[in-house]
C-alpha cells in the first residue's frame, strides 16, 4: 500500500511538473539561511529589541551627535561694534545707519555691512547734525562685533568670532568632516566585511563619542577643534550601517523595509528634537553635551550586540554562527538544536570567495553598472541633503523652526517611501522621487530672489527635503539588497565614500547661496536630480528578491528582469493551496 501510494504521488507530482505554469524557484530565490534562521526565530523578541536599541535608538542618538554641530556653528546676524552710542540717544537702527556702510545680500537687497564700518572716531563727534557719514573712509571692524541675540544667546562662531575674514572657518569644519567621512567609510566599510559588523560598531560608537565630546572642549583652539570634528565624522557612517546590516541579515525578507523605517525614524526623531532643544537652551555648550552623551550610553546594551551569523557563515566560522543562533533563539524563547556539523553540511558546496575589497564591486558588467548607479544616487542624496539642511538654518526667519520643518517632513516621507517601495518597487520609487525633486527646483529658481515669496520658498524647500528623504530611504534599502553578504558593508561604504567625496561641495554651495546668489544651489541640485532620475531606472528591482550571498549571485542579480515591469509578490499560502488544487491530475488537459 505504501509503495502504491508513493508511486501515485510520483505520478501526480510528474503531472504537476508537466502541466503547471508556476516556474520552480530560481537559484537566486532559494535561501537556505532563512530556513536556519527560522529555527532561531527571524521575527521574534530578539529582532524587536535589537531594532529598537541599535537600529532606531542608536540612529536617534547618532543623528544628534552628528548633526548638532550644524546648529552650534550657526552664524547669527552681526555687525561691527562701534563705541559712542552710549553718549547719544540714537536707537540701534539709527546708530547703524550712521556708522555702517551698506552692501548687497544674497538676494541683491541692501543691508548693513557685517564686516565694515566708517573709519571715524564716533566718540569725539559733537555736532551730529552737520556730520556727513559719506566723507569717512570704510575700514574693517576695529572693536569686534555685536551679535543679534534674538534666537541664540551664543553659538561657537559668535563666541570665537569666526566671522568676516574668518568666515570660512565654519565652512572648513564641514569640509573636513566630509573628507574624514570618506576616509572612515573606506576603512571601516571594508573592516566590517573582513573583521565583522560588531567590532566596527564598537569602534564607531567610541570614536564618535570621544570626537564630539573633545570638540566641545577645544573651540578656543581651532586646529584641535577641526581634528576632533573630523574624528567624529570618521566613524559616523559605520555607526549607522553596521547595526542596520546585522538587523537585515537576521530578519525575514518581509521585514527589510520595516528595519529601514526603524533607522529612518530614529534619524528623524533625533534631528527633530535637536532644534527644539537648542531653541529652549539658547546656548551652544549645554546643547552639545546633551545631544552627544546618549550615543556613548548605547554601549550599556552590549548584551544584544551580536555578530551577524550570516556573515560568520560566509567566512566559514560555523561554530561562532551556532553561538549567535543560540543567543537569538534563547531571547526568542526557542530551542536551537542544530549542530555545527549539520550547518557545515548545508554549506558544504559553498566555497569561501576571495574578494579584493572595493575592486570586487566592479567585477562583471552588471555589478559594476549597479555599483556606479548606486554611487551616483548616494552622491545626489548626500549633496542635496546637506545643502538643504545647512541652507535652511541660514535662511531668513526662525532658524530652529526652519530646521525643524526640514527634519519633521522626513517622517511622513519614510512612510510614503516604504509604501511605494513595497507596492511599486525600489527602482520606480527612487526614480520618481528624483524626478519630482527636479520639477520642484524650477519654481524655486524663479521665486528665490523675491523676499515676499519667503513662505513659498520655505515650503518648496521642505517639499524637496521630503522627496530627498524618500530617495534616501529607498537608496539605502537598495544598497543593502543589491550587494552580497561578503561585500555588503563594503558596498554601502563605497556609496558613502562617493557621496561624501562629492558632498564636500555642499558647504560651498551653501556659501554661494548665502553670500552670492540664493539661486545658485538650486541650479546645481536640479541638474543632479534629473540625471539621478534617469540613472535609477537602470538599477535591478530588489523587492521580493533573496539577499545575494555570493559574488556570482550579485553579478547575476536581476539578469532576467524586464525593464518595463513592476515587481510581483511571491505567492501566499492561499495562492499556493489554490495552485496545488489546480495542479491535480483531474484538471490536466
Protein backbone atom coordinates (compact mmCIF):
# COMPACT_ATOMS: atom_id res chain seq x y z
CA UNK A 1 0.00 0.00 0.00
CA UNK A 2 2.80 2.43 0.96
CA UNK A 3 4.66 1.66 -2.29
CA UNK A 4 1.50 2.11 -4.33
CA UNK A 5 0.79 5.42 -2.63
CA UNK A 6 4.36 6.55 -3.27
CA UNK A 7 4.06 5.69 -6.99
CA UNK A 8 0.76 7.52 -7.11
CA UNK A 9 2.37 10.59 -5.56
CA UNK A 10 5.26 10.47 -8.02
CA UNK A 11 2.81 10.29 -10.94
CA UNK A 12 0.82 13.16 -9.52
CA UNK A 13 3.98 15.20 -8.98
CA UNK A 14 5.02 14.41 -12.53
CA UNK A 15 1.69 15.64 -13.76
CA UNK A 16 2.14 18.82 -11.72
CA UNK A 17 5.59 19.40 -13.18
CA UNK A 18 4.34 18.77 -16.69
CA UNK A 19 1.22 20.90 -16.62
CA UNK A 20 1.96 23.58 -14.04
CA UNK A 21 2.56 27.08 -15.27
CA UNK A 22 4.25 28.02 -11.99
CA UNK A 23 8.01 28.04 -12.50
CA UNK A 24 10.38 26.49 -9.99
CA UNK A 25 12.13 28.99 -7.78
CA UNK A 26 15.36 30.16 -9.34
CA UNK A 27 18.66 29.67 -7.61
CA UNK A 28 18.76 33.30 -6.52
CA UNK A 29 15.39 32.86 -4.75
CA UNK A 30 16.45 29.81 -2.70
CA UNK A 31 17.86 30.95 0.64
CA UNK A 32 18.95 28.15 3.00
CA UNK A 33 19.91 30.71 5.62
CA UNK A 34 16.29 31.76 6.10
CA UNK A 35 15.29 28.17 6.89
CA UNK A 36 18.02 28.05 9.56
CA UNK A 37 17.14 31.49 10.84
CA UNK A 38 13.52 30.42 11.30
CA UNK A 39 14.65 27.80 13.80
CA UNK A 40 16.16 30.55 15.96
CA UNK A 41 13.36 32.96 15.10
CA UNK A 42 13.66 35.57 12.36
CA UNK A 43 10.71 37.70 13.56
CA UNK A 44 10.79 37.50 17.34
CA UNK A 45 11.59 39.36 20.53
CA UNK A 46 15.32 39.49 19.80
CA UNK A 47 14.78 41.22 16.46
CA UNK A 48 12.37 43.69 18.06
CA UNK A 49 14.77 44.59 20.88
CA UNK A 50 17.75 44.75 18.52
CA UNK A 51 15.98 47.04 16.08
CA UNK A 52 14.68 49.37 18.78
CA UNK A 53 18.05 49.73 20.57
CA UNK A 54 20.63 49.55 17.80
CA UNK A 55 18.81 50.41 14.59
CA UNK A 56 16.38 53.08 15.84
CA UNK A 57 17.83 54.12 19.21
CA UNK A 58 21.43 54.42 18.03
CA UNK A 59 20.24 56.19 14.88
CA UNK A 60 18.41 58.75 17.02
CA UNK A 61 21.39 59.31 19.32
CA UNK A 62 23.90 59.23 16.45
CA UNK A 63 21.94 61.73 14.35
CA UNK A 64 22.04 64.24 17.21
CA UNK A 65 25.75 63.64 17.82
CA UNK A 66 26.43 64.05 14.09
CA UNK A 67 24.11 66.97 13.26
CA UNK A 68 24.31 69.08 16.43
CA UNK A 69 27.40 70.80 15.07
CA UNK A 70 25.29 72.34 12.28
CA UNK A 71 23.17 74.30 14.74
CA UNK A 72 26.08 75.06 17.07
CA UNK A 73 28.04 76.55 14.14
CA UNK A 74 25.25 78.87 13.07
CA UNK A 75 26.38 82.45 12.48
CA UNK A 76 23.87 84.98 13.86
CA UNK A 77 23.38 88.36 12.21
CA UNK A 78 26.28 90.55 13.23
CA UNK A 79 27.79 93.97 12.64
CA UNK A 80 30.80 96.00 13.73
CA UNK A 81 30.77 97.21 17.31
CA UNK A 82 31.18 100.99 17.15
CA UNK A 83 31.72 102.78 20.51
CA UNK A 84 29.93 106.07 21.15
CA UNK A 85 26.25 105.26 21.01
CA UNK A 86 26.05 105.36 24.81
CA UNK A 87 26.76 109.12 24.58
CA UNK A 88 23.76 109.67 22.31
CA UNK A 89 20.06 108.96 22.29
CA UNK A 90 20.16 107.14 18.93
CA UNK A 91 18.29 103.87 18.51
CA UNK A 92 20.28 100.85 17.37
CA UNK A 93 18.96 101.16 13.82
CA UNK A 94 19.79 104.88 13.70
CA UNK A 95 23.29 104.21 15.04
CA UNK A 96 23.94 101.51 12.46
CA UNK A 97 22.73 103.83 9.70
CA UNK A 98 25.25 106.44 10.80
CA UNK A 99 28.25 104.18 11.49
CA UNK A 100 27.97 101.32 8.99
CA UNK A 101 28.12 101.23 5.18
CA UNK A 102 25.66 99.10 3.25
CA UNK A 103 26.22 96.14 0.91
CA UNK A 104 24.06 93.79 -1.10
CA UNK A 105 22.95 90.46 0.36
CA UNK A 106 22.40 87.17 -1.48
CA UNK A 107 19.05 88.41 -2.80
CA UNK A 108 20.54 91.64 -4.13
CA UNK A 109 18.90 93.78 -1.41
CA UNK A 110 20.72 96.49 0.52
CA UNK A 111 21.70 95.67 4.11
CA UNK A 112 24.11 96.98 6.69
CA UNK A 113 27.61 95.59 6.28
CA UNK A 114 28.58 92.78 8.62
CA UNK A 115 32.31 93.34 8.35
CA UNK A 116 32.93 97.04 7.67
CA UNK A 117 32.42 100.37 9.44
CA UNK A 118 33.12 104.01 8.67
CA UNK A 119 36.67 104.96 9.64
CA UNK A 120 35.94 107.66 12.19
CA UNK A 121 36.17 108.20 15.93
CA UNK A 122 32.49 108.46 16.74
CA UNK A 123 33.15 109.11 20.44
CA UNK A 124 34.57 112.57 19.56
CA UNK A 125 31.71 113.81 17.37
CA UNK A 126 29.77 116.65 19.00
CA UNK A 127 27.73 118.05 16.11
CA UNK A 128 25.78 115.12 14.64
CA UNK A 129 23.57 117.37 12.50
CA UNK A 130 26.49 118.61 10.43
CA UNK A 131 28.41 115.33 10.34
CA UNK A 132 28.47 113.73 6.89
CA UNK A 133 28.61 109.92 7.00
CA UNK A 134 29.72 109.76 3.38
CA UNK A 135 33.00 111.54 3.98
CA UNK A 136 34.90 108.96 6.11
CA UNK A 137 36.67 106.03 4.51
CA UNK A 138 35.48 102.48 5.12
CA UNK A 139 37.53 100.11 7.26
CA UNK A 140 37.24 96.64 8.73
CA UNK A 141 35.71 96.25 12.18
CA UNK A 142 38.05 97.82 14.74
CA UNK A 143 36.30 96.96 18.01
CA UNK A 144 34.91 93.48 17.46
CA UNK A 145 31.36 92.54 16.58
CA UNK A 146 27.90 92.75 18.03
CA UNK A 147 25.69 89.70 17.52
CA UNK A 148 21.93 89.59 17.22
CA UNK A 149 20.70 87.52 20.19
CA UNK A 150 17.11 87.21 19.02
CA UNK A 151 17.47 83.44 18.55
CA UNK A 152 20.79 82.48 20.16
CA UNK A 153 22.42 83.62 23.34
CA UNK A 154 25.63 82.31 21.82
CA UNK A 155 26.96 79.91 19.20
CA UNK A 156 30.51 78.74 18.57
CA UNK A 157 31.20 81.35 15.83
CA UNK A 158 29.74 84.21 17.92
CA UNK A 159 31.80 83.13 20.94
CA UNK A 160 35.03 82.74 18.96
CA UNK A 161 34.34 85.49 16.37
CA UNK A 162 34.54 83.19 13.35
CA UNK A 163 33.20 85.88 11.03
CA UNK A 164 34.37 88.22 8.27
CA UNK A 165 38.00 87.36 7.43
CA UNK A 166 37.44 84.08 9.30
CA UNK A 167 34.00 83.35 7.83
CA UNK A 168 35.32 80.24 6.06
CA UNK A 169 36.19 78.65 9.40
CA UNK A 170 32.69 77.20 9.64
CA UNK A 171 32.67 76.03 6.03
CA UNK A 172 36.05 74.37 6.52
CA UNK A 173 34.73 72.40 9.52
CA UNK A 174 32.03 70.87 7.33
CA UNK A 175 34.50 70.17 4.51
CA UNK A 176 36.95 68.43 6.88
CA UNK A 177 34.01 66.36 8.12
CA UNK A 178 33.19 65.26 4.57
CA UNK A 179 36.83 64.36 3.90
CA UNK A 180 37.21 62.27 7.06
CA UNK A 181 33.88 60.57 6.35
CA UNK A 182 35.34 59.43 3.04
CA UNK A 183 38.44 58.03 4.78
CA UNK A 184 36.39 56.41 7.54
CA UNK A 185 33.90 54.86 5.15
CA UNK A 186 36.73 53.41 3.06
CA UNK A 187 38.49 51.93 6.07
CA UNK A 188 35.62 50.81 8.31
CA UNK A 189 33.38 49.67 5.47
CA UNK A 190 35.93 47.07 4.42
CA UNK A 191 36.72 46.23 8.03
CA UNK A 192 33.05 45.36 8.51
CA UNK A 193 33.28 42.70 5.79
CA UNK A 194 36.70 41.46 6.88
CA UNK A 195 36.55 41.53 10.69
CA UNK A 196 32.82 41.65 11.28
CA UNK A 197 30.00 44.11 11.90
CA UNK A 198 30.21 44.05 15.70
CA UNK A 199 33.83 45.18 16.08
CA UNK A 200 33.16 48.07 13.68
CA UNK A 201 30.09 49.03 15.71
CA UNK A 202 32.14 49.32 18.91
CA UNK A 203 34.89 51.33 17.19
CA UNK A 204 32.31 53.67 15.69
CA UNK A 205 30.48 54.41 18.95
CA UNK A 206 33.71 55.06 20.88
CA UNK A 207 35.35 57.28 18.25
CA UNK A 208 32.20 59.25 17.50
CA UNK A 209 31.54 59.98 21.18
CA UNK A 210 35.15 60.90 22.02
CA UNK A 211 35.46 63.07 18.91
CA UNK A 212 32.39 65.18 19.59
CA UNK A 213 32.95 65.50 23.35
CA UNK A 214 36.54 66.60 22.73
CA UNK A 215 35.48 69.13 20.12
CA UNK A 216 33.22 70.80 22.72
CA UNK A 217 36.30 71.39 24.88
CA UNK A 218 38.58 72.74 22.13
CA UNK A 219 36.61 75.54 20.42
CA UNK A 220 39.24 78.07 21.52
CA UNK A 221 41.90 76.09 19.61
CA UNK A 222 40.72 75.93 16.02
CA UNK A 223 43.19 73.30 14.81
CA UNK A 224 42.25 70.86 17.58
CA UNK A 225 38.59 71.63 17.04
CA UNK A 226 39.00 70.67 13.38
CA UNK A 227 40.82 67.44 14.30
CA UNK A 228 38.18 66.26 16.78
CA UNK A 229 35.32 67.28 14.50
CA UNK A 230 36.98 65.17 11.81
CA UNK A 231 37.35 62.26 14.24
CA UNK A 232 33.59 62.34 14.88
CA UNK A 233 32.84 62.19 11.18
CA UNK A 234 35.44 59.44 10.63
CA UNK A 235 33.22 56.71 12.06
CA UNK A 236 29.74 58.20 11.76
CA UNK A 237 28.60 56.24 8.70
CA UNK A 238 29.58 52.84 10.06
CA UNK A 239 27.77 53.82 13.27
CA UNK A 240 24.51 53.63 11.31
CA UNK A 241 25.45 50.96 8.76
CA UNK A 242 26.73 48.12 10.93
CA UNK A 243 23.63 47.66 13.15
CA UNK A 244 21.23 48.00 10.22
CA UNK A 245 23.10 45.41 8.16
CA UNK A 246 23.01 42.95 11.07
CA UNK A 247 19.31 43.68 11.60
CA UNK A 248 18.52 42.90 7.96
CA UNK A 249 20.68 39.78 7.91
CA UNK A 250 18.90 38.19 10.88
CA UNK A 251 15.35 39.04 9.79
CA UNK A 252 12.90 37.73 7.25
CA UNK A 253 12.55 39.27 3.79
CA UNK A 254 9.23 41.00 4.58
CA UNK A 255 10.87 42.99 7.38
CA UNK A 256 13.66 44.63 5.36
CA UNK A 257 11.78 47.84 4.62
CA UNK A 258 10.48 47.91 8.21
CA UNK A 259 14.06 47.80 9.52
CA UNK A 260 14.94 50.69 7.21
CA UNK A 261 11.93 52.53 8.69
CA UNK A 262 13.28 51.93 12.20
CA UNK A 263 16.55 53.58 11.29
CA UNK A 264 14.95 56.40 9.34
CA UNK A 265 12.51 57.16 12.14
CA UNK A 266 15.37 57.21 14.66
CA UNK A 267 17.27 59.68 12.50
CA UNK A 268 14.25 61.96 12.05
CA UNK A 269 13.26 61.89 15.72
CA UNK A 270 16.80 62.90 16.68
CA UNK A 271 17.02 65.73 14.15
CA UNK A 272 13.53 66.94 15.13
CA UNK A 273 14.35 67.08 18.86
CA UNK A 274 17.62 68.97 18.28
CA UNK A 275 16.27 72.37 17.17
CA UNK A 276 13.61 72.30 19.91
CA UNK A 277 16.31 71.63 22.50
CA UNK A 278 18.57 74.43 21.24
CA UNK A 279 15.57 76.79 20.98
CA UNK A 280 14.92 76.14 24.67
CA UNK A 281 18.54 76.30 25.89
CA UNK A 282 19.73 79.12 23.55
CA UNK A 283 23.35 78.30 24.47
CA UNK A 284 25.53 76.03 22.35
CA UNK A 285 27.58 74.31 25.06
CA UNK A 286 24.85 72.60 27.16
CA UNK A 287 23.08 71.79 23.89
CA UNK A 288 26.15 69.96 22.58
CA UNK A 289 26.68 67.99 25.81
CA UNK A 290 23.05 66.85 25.99
CA UNK A 291 22.94 65.76 22.33
CA UNK A 292 26.28 63.90 22.42
CA UNK A 293 26.22 61.82 25.61
CA UNK A 294 23.33 59.47 24.55
CA UNK A 295 25.50 57.94 21.81
CA UNK A 296 28.04 56.74 24.36
CA UNK A 297 25.27 55.38 26.61
CA UNK A 298 24.24 52.87 23.93
CA UNK A 299 27.31 50.84 24.93
CA UNK A 300 25.50 49.64 28.07
CA UNK A 301 23.32 47.41 25.85
CA UNK A 302 26.27 45.27 24.70
CA UNK A 303 24.34 42.10 25.66
CA UNK A 304 22.35 42.42 22.46
CA UNK A 305 25.26 43.49 20.24
CA UNK A 306 25.67 40.25 18.28
CA UNK A 307 27.74 39.40 15.24
CA UNK A 308 25.80 38.61 12.08
CA UNK A 309 25.50 34.80 11.75
CA UNK A 310 25.04 35.28 8.01
CA UNK A 311 28.42 37.00 7.80
CA UNK A 312 30.00 34.31 10.03
CA UNK A 313 28.74 31.58 7.70
CA UNK A 314 30.17 33.44 4.70
CA UNK A 315 33.53 33.33 6.49
CA UNK A 316 33.15 29.60 7.31
CA UNK A 317 33.06 30.37 11.06
CA UNK A 318 30.29 27.84 11.68
CA UNK A 319 30.90 27.35 15.42
CA UNK A 320 30.63 31.10 16.03
CA UNK A 321 27.49 31.23 13.90
CA UNK A 322 25.89 28.48 16.00
CA UNK A 323 26.68 30.53 19.12
CA UNK A 324 24.91 33.58 17.68
CA UNK A 325 21.93 31.48 16.58
CA UNK A 326 21.58 30.13 20.12
CA UNK A 327 21.75 33.62 21.63
CA UNK A 328 18.97 34.78 19.30
CA UNK A 329 16.90 31.65 19.95
CA UNK A 330 17.20 31.99 23.73
CA UNK A 331 15.76 35.52 23.74
CA UNK A 332 13.13 34.48 21.21
CA UNK A 333 12.08 31.63 23.52
CA UNK A 334 13.10 28.91 21.08
CA UNK A 335 15.34 25.87 21.18
CA UNK A 336 18.09 25.89 18.56
CA UNK A 337 19.48 22.38 18.38
CA UNK A 338 21.32 22.42 15.05
CA UNK A 339 24.90 21.26 15.40
CA UNK A 340 27.98 22.70 13.76
CA UNK A 341 28.29 19.54 11.67
CA UNK A 342 24.74 19.94 10.32
CA UNK A 343 25.37 23.57 9.48
CA UNK A 344 28.57 22.68 7.63
CA UNK A 345 26.67 20.03 5.66
CA UNK A 346 24.22 22.65 4.38
CA UNK A 347 27.00 24.91 3.12
CA UNK A 348 29.49 22.19 2.14
CA UNK A 349 29.27 23.11 -1.54
CA UNK A 350 29.75 26.81 -0.90
CA UNK A 351 33.31 27.95 -1.44
CA UNK A 352 34.66 30.87 0.55
CA UNK A 353 35.22 33.55 -2.03
CA UNK A 354 38.36 35.58 -2.38
CA UNK A 355 37.48 39.26 -2.59
CA UNK A 356 39.64 42.27 -3.32
CA UNK A 357 37.94 45.00 -1.36
CA UNK A 358 36.17 47.71 -3.33
CA UNK A 359 37.66 46.42 -6.60
CA UNK A 360 35.44 43.33 -6.32
CA UNK A 361 32.36 45.54 -6.71
CA UNK A 362 33.41 46.18 -10.30
CA UNK A 363 33.94 42.53 -11.25
CA UNK A 364 31.43 41.96 -14.02
CA UNK A 365 29.42 44.37 -16.15
CA UNK A 366 26.12 44.18 -14.27
CA UNK A 367 27.66 44.54 -10.81
CA UNK A 368 29.90 47.39 -11.97
CA UNK A 369 26.91 49.17 -13.53
CA UNK A 370 24.83 48.73 -10.37
CA UNK A 371 27.72 50.00 -8.25
CA UNK A 372 28.17 53.12 -10.39
CA UNK A 373 24.46 53.98 -10.41
CA UNK A 374 24.10 53.35 -6.68
CA UNK A 375 27.16 55.51 -6.05
CA UNK A 376 25.74 58.36 -8.11
CA UNK A 377 22.38 58.10 -6.33
CA UNK A 378 24.15 58.36 -2.98
CA UNK A 379 26.08 61.39 -4.24
CA UNK A 380 22.91 63.23 -5.23
CA UNK A 381 21.18 62.34 -1.96
CA UNK A 382 24.16 63.46 0.16
CA UNK A 383 24.79 66.74 -1.68
CA UNK A 384 21.11 67.71 -1.69
CA UNK A 385 20.53 66.63 1.92
CA UNK A 386 23.38 68.61 3.45
CA UNK A 387 22.82 71.60 1.17
CA UNK A 388 19.17 71.81 2.19
CA UNK A 389 19.89 71.28 5.90
CA UNK A 390 22.74 73.79 6.04
CA UNK A 391 20.86 76.28 3.89
CA UNK A 392 17.67 76.05 5.97
CA UNK A 393 19.45 77.15 9.14
CA UNK A 394 20.82 80.21 7.30
CA UNK A 395 17.61 81.38 5.69
CA UNK A 396 15.57 84.30 7.00
CA UNK A 397 13.18 83.73 9.87
CA UNK A 398 13.38 81.42 12.86
CA UNK A 399 16.43 79.13 12.27
CA UNK A 400 15.10 76.50 14.69
CA UNK A 401 11.71 76.40 13.00
CA UNK A 402 13.34 76.21 9.57
CA UNK A 403 15.50 73.27 10.71
CA UNK A 404 12.53 71.63 12.44
CA UNK A 405 10.37 71.77 9.30
CA UNK A 406 13.20 70.32 7.23
CA UNK A 407 13.51 67.44 9.73
CA UNK A 408 9.89 66.70 10.56
CA UNK A 409 8.88 66.26 6.90
CA UNK A 410 11.19 63.23 6.79
CA UNK A 411 8.87 61.13 8.97
CA UNK A 412 5.88 61.02 6.56
CA UNK A 413 8.38 60.79 3.68
CA UNK A 414 9.71 57.49 5.04
CA UNK A 415 6.18 56.14 5.36
CA UNK A 416 5.37 57.11 1.78
CA UNK A 417 8.74 55.71 0.65
CA UNK A 418 8.04 52.41 2.41
CA UNK A 419 4.56 52.16 0.92
CA UNK A 420 5.68 52.96 -2.61
CA UNK A 421 8.81 50.83 -2.30
CA UNK A 422 6.79 47.81 -1.15
CA UNK A 423 3.99 48.44 -3.65
CA UNK A 424 5.74 49.58 -6.82
CA UNK A 425 9.35 48.60 -6.11
CA UNK A 426 12.52 50.36 -5.02
CA UNK A 427 13.62 51.25 -8.56
CA UNK A 428 10.47 53.16 -9.54
CA UNK A 429 10.25 54.94 -6.16
CA UNK A 430 13.86 56.10 -6.39
CA UNK A 431 13.46 57.46 -9.92
CA UNK A 432 10.07 59.06 -9.19
CA UNK A 433 11.29 61.00 -6.14
CA UNK A 434 14.34 62.25 -8.03
CA UNK A 435 12.23 63.47 -10.96
CA UNK A 436 9.67 65.31 -8.81
CA UNK A 437 12.58 66.96 -6.94
CA UNK A 438 13.87 68.23 -10.29
CA UNK A 439 10.46 69.73 -11.11
CA UNK A 440 10.27 71.40 -7.67
CA UNK A 441 13.58 73.20 -8.29
CA UNK A 442 12.13 75.16 -11.24
CA UNK A 443 9.75 77.43 -9.27
CA UNK A 444 12.40 77.81 -6.55
CA UNK A 445 14.83 79.26 -9.08
CA UNK A 446 12.15 81.64 -10.37
CA UNK A 447 10.96 82.88 -6.96
CA UNK A 448 14.01 82.71 -4.68
CA UNK A 449 15.20 86.30 -5.24
CA UNK A 450 11.86 87.85 -4.20
CA UNK A 451 11.55 88.09 -0.41
CA UNK A 452 7.76 88.30 -0.50
CA UNK A 453 7.70 84.62 -1.56
CA UNK A 454 9.67 83.56 1.53
CA UNK A 455 6.89 81.25 2.77
CA UNK A 456 6.52 79.64 -0.66
CA UNK A 457 10.29 79.19 -0.90
CA UNK A 458 10.42 77.52 2.52
CA UNK A 459 7.51 75.28 1.53
CA UNK A 460 9.17 74.19 -1.71
CA UNK A 461 12.48 73.60 0.07
CA UNK A 462 10.68 71.45 2.65
CA UNK A 463 8.94 69.55 -0.16
CA UNK A 464 12.29 68.81 -1.81
CA UNK A 465 13.55 67.66 1.59
CA UNK A 466 10.50 65.37 1.80
CA UNK A 467 11.38 63.86 -1.58
CA UNK A 468 15.05 63.67 -0.62
CA UNK A 469 14.10 61.62 2.45
CA UNK A 470 12.12 59.24 0.22
CA UNK A 471 15.15 58.84 -2.03
CA UNK A 472 17.48 58.35 0.93
CA UNK A 473 15.21 55.65 2.36
CA UNK A 474 14.94 53.82 -0.97
CA UNK A 475 18.61 54.13 -1.95
CA UNK A 476 19.70 52.91 1.48
CA UNK A 477 17.42 49.89 1.17
CA UNK A 478 18.53 49.16 -2.39
CA UNK A 479 22.18 49.19 -1.37
CA UNK A 480 21.54 46.65 1.39
CA UNK A 481 19.70 44.38 -1.05
CA UNK A 482 21.94 44.59 -4.14
CA UNK A 483 25.34 43.77 -2.64
CA UNK A 484 26.30 40.23 -1.49
CA UNK A 485 26.82 39.28 2.15
CA UNK A 486 30.58 39.05 1.75
CA UNK A 487 30.72 42.62 0.37
CA UNK A 488 27.57 44.24 1.78
CA UNK A 489 29.19 46.70 4.15
CA UNK A 490 31.95 47.46 1.65
CA UNK A 491 29.32 48.22 -0.99
CA UNK A 492 27.39 50.54 1.30
CA UNK A 493 30.68 52.14 2.36
CA UNK A 494 31.64 52.80 -1.27
CA UNK A 495 28.38 54.65 -1.80
CA UNK A 496 29.13 56.68 1.31
CA UNK A 497 32.69 57.36 0.14
CA UNK A 498 31.49 58.71 -3.19
CA UNK A 499 28.66 60.64 -1.54
CA UNK A 500 30.97 62.38 0.90
CA UNK A 501 33.66 62.98 -1.69
CA UNK A 502 31.15 64.85 -3.81
CA UNK A 503 29.38 66.11 -0.68
CA UNK A 504 32.41 68.30 0.03
CA UNK A 505 30.84 70.79 -2.38
CA UNK A 506 27.66 71.11 -0.25
CA UNK A 507 29.12 73.64 2.25
CA UNK A 508 30.44 75.70 -0.66
CA UNK A 509 27.04 75.58 -2.37
CA UNK A 510 25.56 76.97 0.84
CA UNK A 511 28.31 79.61 0.95
CA UNK A 512 27.43 80.64 -2.61
CA UNK A 513 23.72 80.69 -1.78
CA UNK A 514 24.15 82.80 1.34
CA UNK A 515 26.81 85.24 0.10
CA UNK A 516 26.50 85.44 -3.71
CA UNK A 517 23.18 84.30 -5.22
CA UNK A 518 20.42 82.47 -3.35
CA UNK A 519 19.51 80.56 -6.54
CA UNK A 520 22.95 79.00 -7.04
CA UNK A 521 22.33 75.76 -5.08
CA UNK A 522 19.05 75.04 -6.87
CA UNK A 523 20.58 75.29 -10.36
CA UNK A 524 23.07 72.56 -9.48
CA UNK A 525 20.68 70.38 -7.47
CA UNK A 526 18.04 70.46 -10.22
CA UNK A 527 20.52 69.11 -12.78
CA UNK A 528 21.66 66.36 -10.39
CA UNK A 529 18.07 65.32 -9.64
CA UNK A 530 17.28 64.90 -13.34
CA UNK A 531 20.36 62.75 -14.02
CA UNK A 532 19.62 60.70 -10.88
CA UNK A 533 16.03 60.05 -12.03
CA UNK A 534 17.25 58.62 -15.34
CA UNK A 535 20.06 56.56 -13.80
CA UNK A 536 17.86 54.96 -11.13
CA UNK A 537 15.70 53.31 -13.82
CA UNK A 538 18.65 51.11 -14.80
CA UNK A 539 19.04 49.51 -11.37
CA UNK A 540 17.63 45.99 -10.87
CA UNK A 541 14.49 45.65 -8.77
CA UNK A 542 15.26 44.26 -5.32
CA UNK A 543 11.75 43.93 -3.88
CA UNK A 544 10.82 40.28 -3.08
CA UNK A 545 14.34 39.15 -4.02
CA UNK A 546 16.64 36.99 -1.90
CA UNK A 547 19.63 38.81 -0.45
CA UNK A 548 22.62 37.75 -2.59
CA UNK A 549 25.25 35.89 -0.58
CA UNK A 550 27.98 35.33 -3.18
CA UNK A 551 29.71 37.48 -5.77
CA UNK A 552 28.26 35.29 -8.51
CA UNK A 553 24.72 35.94 -7.26
CA UNK A 554 25.43 39.66 -7.16
CA UNK A 555 26.85 39.63 -10.69
CA UNK A 556 23.68 37.95 -11.99
CA UNK A 557 21.24 39.86 -9.80
CA UNK A 558 18.17 40.88 -11.81
CA UNK A 559 19.54 39.44 -15.04
CA UNK A 560 16.10 38.12 -16.05
CA UNK A 561 14.18 41.27 -15.12
CA UNK A 562 12.36 43.22 -17.81
CA UNK A 563 12.95 46.97 -17.99
CA UNK A 564 9.25 47.89 -18.18
CA UNK A 565 7.90 45.80 -15.33
CA UNK A 566 6.77 46.08 -11.73
CA UNK A 567 7.78 43.53 -9.07
CA UNK A 568 5.42 40.67 -8.30
CA UNK A 569 4.91 39.40 -4.78
CA UNK A 570 5.67 35.72 -4.08
CA UNK A 571 2.56 33.51 -3.79
CA UNK A 572 0.87 33.49 -0.42
CA UNK A 573 -0.17 30.29 1.36
CA UNK A 574 -3.65 30.68 -0.08
CA UNK A 575 -2.24 31.07 -3.59
CA UNK A 576 -0.04 28.01 -3.11
CA UNK A 577 -3.03 25.96 -1.95
CA UNK A 578 -5.07 27.05 -4.96
CA UNK A 579 -2.19 26.24 -7.29
CA UNK A 580 -1.80 22.80 -5.70
CA UNK A 581 -5.50 22.07 -6.26
CA UNK A 582 -5.41 23.23 -9.88
CA UNK A 583 -2.33 21.09 -10.50
CA UNK A 584 -4.16 17.90 -9.61
CA UNK A 585 -4.26 15.38 -12.44
CA UNK A 586 -8.02 15.64 -12.82
CA UNK A 587 -7.63 19.24 -14.00
CA UNK A 588 -4.92 18.36 -16.53
CA UNK A 589 -5.83 18.82 -20.21
